[in-house]
Amino acid sequence: MSISGLNFARTCPAPLCHPALASRRISMSGTSLSDSTSGRLSPALALNRSPRLGWIAGLVTVIIWAFWMVGTRHAVTHDLPPAAVGIVRFAVPALLLAPAVWRRGFWPKDLPFRTKLGLLCSGAPFFLIVATGMESAPAADIGPLLPGTMPLFVALIGYLVLGETLGRTRLFGFAMILLAVLCVAGPSLLGAGNGAWRGHLLLLSGACLWGIFTHAYKRSRLTALQAAGLVGLWSLALLLPLGGPALVRAAGDGLADAILVQAVLQGFLSGVVGLVLYGYAIDRLGASRAAALSPLGPVLAAILAIPLLGEIPSLNAVLGIGLATLGVLLASGIFAAKEKA
């Protein structure tokens, strides 16, 4: 959001790759993607290094985000309870990134307790709340209410708790995000609908948890993979007793294929590939240009939900997606960056 040096956090629209993760050093097997505070390429050099590949990486990341929203909605309404899906979500990154966590410690003693709790907000609590909300909220509503409001909650926490300031352009963007929330959630909160208001409130609660995580991550000074691995390991430990029995029953009931699909989508693509690709896109394009791709996620999710889930977006959802898209673009600071350039 408005945190200096945390461009990813203020523009990331979805919970698939940790929001500030690409703005810190991402290192694996000796390779790295890093920002200006840890040796990241200068903007001019990054833009000269094949921006086409950066656009491709960003678009693939957006596609992953969209499939995550639709895939999670399908899983919790057809095959698996939220806790079981959460195990699949965090098991893959927890195992793959365990070496990164091992070097830093599974419960870093140098981090304040509140910071560690804030980091864990993006794990099991976030996933359980969001996945439960997806049980009753249509896929087209997820985009405006979850990734669409994440910038708003990060900014509110920064303003109310940390005393950060907000420019006029970004304030206008946040106002548009609020209008998007009213368009999508207003009718259900007023009693028109079939209980979707419960899902709407849960999605907004999840976005608030993500805002807490964003600020905690900035203060943790963990690398991207350390944070993702730490959250994955602790989330897996918390979810195993809750979702383990249901996951075993689902496998015994012939849902092994569905579990495998979720493992690929939730764990590998969302938990690892999306993280690395978005960091690559930011290095090649710069944070502002990469941010311009983020609103495509909710749009694509609404389109995918038509053939995959049989869900036709309502007029309110379409309006909400449009307002949230413009709001996120304004809140990300992309237009302010162009003016300065």
Foldseek 3Di string as FASTA:
>chain_A
DPDPQQLQQLQAQALLAQRSQLSAWDDDPHDIAYHPVPDFDDQVVLQVPPLVLLVVLLQLLLVLLLCVLLLLLCCCQPFAPQLQLLLLQLVQLLVVLVVLQVVQDLQRPVADPLLVVLLLLSHQVLSNLLSVLSPQAPSLLLRLQASLCLSVLLVVCCCPPVVDDDDPLLVVLNVLSVVLLCLRQVCVVVPPDDPSNSSSVSNNVSSNSSSSNSVSVVVVPRHSSNSLNSSSVVNNVVSCVVGVVRNVVSVVVVCPVSSVVSSCSNHVVSSPSSNVSLSSSCSNNNSLVSSLSNLVNSVVSQVVCCVPVVDHDDPSSVSSSVSSSSSSNSNSCSVVVVVVD
